Amino acid sequence: MAEQLHSSFDAWRDGLRSHRGSRGEAAPHFYFIDVSLGEIADDGERNSFNVVPTTLTLDPATVDPLRAVARKLQLESPALKQLEADLGK
């Protein structure tokens, strides 16, 4: 799934580059910020989240830790850090 999205980024950028190129405008840069559980560095933590069932409802005791790990992954994302650097933050 992630590879397909990356391929889409490339296709969108190439399409925009060819469309905008005639007007001298630069193509945008896309940033893929991965917050998948596979990115959790700690094996024990990753394994504990991997056993959470993939249903439309979650046990309330699971929600806060899942949100916390998602935020941590987002903030540690190299793509987010690059986006912030590119924006001058």
C-alpha atoms as a PDB file:
ATOM      1  CA  MET A   1       0.000   0.000   0.000  1.00  0.00           C
ATOM      2  CA  ALA A   2       2.762   2.462   0.923  1.00  0.00           C
ATOM      3  CA  GLU A   3       4.638   1.647  -2.281  1.00  0.00           C
ATOM      4  CA  GLN A   4       1.489   2.361  -4.307  1.00  0.00           C
ATOM      5  CA  LEU A   5       1.107   5.726  -2.614  1.00  0.00           C
ATOM      6  CA  HIS A   6       4.760   6.577  -3.287  1.00  0.00           C
ATOM      7  CA  SER A   7       4.239   5.636  -6.934  1.00  0.00           C
ATOM      8  CA  SER A   8       1.178   7.871  -7.019  1.00  0.00           C
ATOM      9  CA  PHE A   9       3.266  10.745  -5.625  1.00  0.00           C
ATOM     10  CA  ASP A  10       5.769  10.265  -8.427  1.00  0.00           C
ATOM     11  CA  ALA A  11       3.032  10.120 -11.069  1.00  0.00           C
ATOM     12  CA  TRP A  12       1.279  13.216  -9.675  1.00  0.00           C
ATOM     13  CA  ARG A  13       4.548  15.145  -9.520  1.00  0.00           C
ATOM     14  CA  ASP A  14       5.500  14.118 -13.068  1.00  0.00           C
ATOM     15  CA  GLY A  15       2.047  15.073 -14.342  1.00  0.00           C
ATOM     16  CA  LEU A  16       2.160  18.438 -12.619  1.00  0.00           C
ATOM     17  CA  ARG A  17       5.726  19.023 -13.756  1.00  0.00           C
ATOM     18  CA  SER A  18       4.770  18.490 -17.389  1.00  0.00           C
ATOM     19  CA  HIS A  19       1.626  20.611 -17.001  1.00  0.00           C
ATOM     20  CA  ARG A  20       3.328  23.441 -15.126  1.00  0.00           C
ATOM     21  CA  GLY A  21       6.577  23.230 -17.036  1.00  0.00           C
ATOM     22  CA  SER A  22       5.104  25.166 -19.907  1.00  0.00           C
ATOM     23  CA  ARG A  23       4.425  28.023 -17.490  1.00  0.00           C
ATOM     24  CA  GLY A  24       7.773  27.764 -15.667  1.00  0.00           C
ATOM     25  CA  GLU A  25       6.216  26.695 -12.355  1.00  0.00           C
ATOM     26  CA  ALA A  26       7.914  24.114 -10.138  1.00  0.00           C
ATOM     27  CA  ALA A  27       6.163  20.842  -9.344  1.00  0.00           C
ATOM     28  CA  PRO A  28       5.194  20.327  -5.695  1.00  0.00           C
ATOM     29  CA  HIS A  29       7.005  17.956  -3.378  1.00  0.00           C
ATOM     30  CA  PHE A  30       4.925  15.323  -1.592  1.00  0.00           C
ATOM     31  CA  TYR A  31       5.769  14.032   1.893  1.00  0.00           C
ATOM     32  CA  PHE A  32       4.760  10.538   3.014  1.00  0.00           C
ATOM     33  CA  ILE A  33       4.524  10.428   6.807  1.00  0.00           C
ATOM     34  CA  ASP A  34       4.348   6.785   7.865  1.00  0.00           C
ATOM     35  CA  VAL A  35       2.609   6.032  11.142  1.00  0.00           C
ATOM     36  CA  SER A  36       2.300   2.283  10.618  1.00  0.00           C
ATOM     37  CA  LEU A  37       2.849  -0.032  13.566  1.00  0.00           C
ATOM     38  CA  GLY A  38       5.789  -1.607  11.763  1.00  0.00           C
ATOM     39  CA  GLU A  39       7.703   1.614  12.405  1.00  0.00           C
ATOM     40  CA  ILE A  40       7.649   1.124  16.201  1.00  0.00           C
ATOM     41  CA  ALA A  41      11.279   0.513  17.175  1.00  0.00           C
ATOM     42  CA  ASP A  42      10.656  -1.415  20.404  1.00  0.00           C
ATOM     43  CA  ASP A  43       9.781  -5.052  19.655  1.00  0.00           C
ATOM     44  CA  GLY A  44       7.630  -5.498  22.761  1.00  0.00           C
ATOM     45  CA  GLU A  45       5.645  -2.324  22.133  1.00  0.00           C
ATOM     46  CA  ARG A  46       5.211  -3.163  18.445  1.00  0.00           C
ATOM     47  CA  ASN A  47       4.051  -6.702  19.273  1.00  0.00           C
ATOM     48  CA  SER A  48       1.565  -5.452  21.863  1.00  0.00           C
ATOM     49  CA  PHE A  49      -0.094  -3.217  19.261  1.00  0.00           C
ATOM     50  CA  ASN A  50       0.033  -5.851  16.536  1.00  0.00           C
ATOM     51  CA  VAL A  51      -2.286  -8.100  18.544  1.00  0.00           C
ATOM     52  CA  VAL A  52      -5.015  -5.425  18.733  1.00  0.00           C
ATOM     53  CA  PRO A  53      -7.828  -6.733  16.549  1.00  0.00           C
ATOM     54  CA  THR A  54      -8.604  -4.793  13.389  1.00  0.00           C
ATOM     55  CA  THR A  55     -12.276  -4.113  13.963  1.00  0.00           C
ATOM     56  CA  LEU A  56     -14.437  -1.033  13.722  1.00  0.00           C
ATOM     57  CA  THR A  57     -14.445  -0.673  17.490  1.00  0.00           C
ATOM     58  CA  LEU A  58     -11.615  -0.553  19.997  1.00  0.00           C
ATOM     59  CA  ASP A  59     -11.525  -1.281  23.678  1.00  0.00           C
ATOM     60  CA  PRO A  60     -11.443   2.136  25.435  1.00  0.00           C
ATOM     61  CA  ALA A  61      -8.253   1.117  27.273  1.00  0.00           C
ATOM     62  CA  THR A  62      -6.527   0.676  23.894  1.00  0.00           C
ATOM     63  CA  VAL A  63      -7.475   4.034  22.392  1.00  0.00           C
ATOM     64  CA  ASP A  64      -5.189   6.346  24.396  1.00  0.00           C
ATOM     65  CA  PRO A  65      -2.038   4.206  24.024  1.00  0.00           C
ATOM     66  CA  LEU A  66      -2.757   3.806  20.297  1.00  0.00           C
ATOM     67  CA  ARG A  67      -3.165   7.549  19.885  1.00  0.00           C
ATOM     68  CA  ALA A  68       0.040   8.148  21.839  1.00  0.00           C
ATOM     69  CA  VAL A  69       2.092   5.772  19.698  1.00  0.00           C
ATOM     70  CA  ALA A  70       0.625   7.265  16.511  1.00  0.00           C
ATOM     71  CA  ARG A  71       1.624  10.748  17.662  1.00  0.00           C
ATOM     72  CA  LYS A  72       5.112   9.525  18.584  1.00  0.00           C
ATOM     73  CA  LEU A  73       5.546   7.890  15.162  1.00  0.00           C
ATOM     74  CA  GLN A  74       4.304  11.018  13.433  1.00  0.00           C
ATOM     75  CA  LEU A  75       6.664  13.315  15.346  1.00  0.00           C
ATOM     76  CA  GLU A  76       9.630  10.996  14.741  1.00  0.00           C
ATOM     77  CA  SER A  77       8.900  10.642  11.027  1.00  0.00           C
ATOM     78  CA  PRO A  78      11.857  11.641   8.831  1.00  0.00           C
ATOM     79  CA  ALA A  79       9.359  12.914   6.240  1.00  0.00           C
ATOM     80  CA  LEU A  80       7.711  15.222   8.788  1.00  0.00           C
ATOM     81  CA  LYS A  81      11.124  16.492   9.892  1.00  0.00           C
ATOM     82  CA  GLN A  82      12.011  17.156   6.252  1.00  0.00           C
ATOM     83  CA  LEU A  83       8.698  18.952   5.683  1.00  0.00           C
ATOM     84  CA  GLU A  84       9.320  21.144   8.738  1.00  0.00           C
ATOM     85  CA  ALA A  85      12.857  21.895   7.531  1.00  0.00           C
ATOM     86  CA  ASP A  86      11.585  22.745   4.061  1.00  0.00           C
ATOM     87  CA  LEU A  87       8.991  25.073   5.602  1.00  0.00           C
ATOM     88  CA  GLY A  88      11.714  26.744   7.665  1.00  0.00           C
ATOM     89  CA  LYS A  89      10.613  25.616  11.102  1.00  0.00           C
END
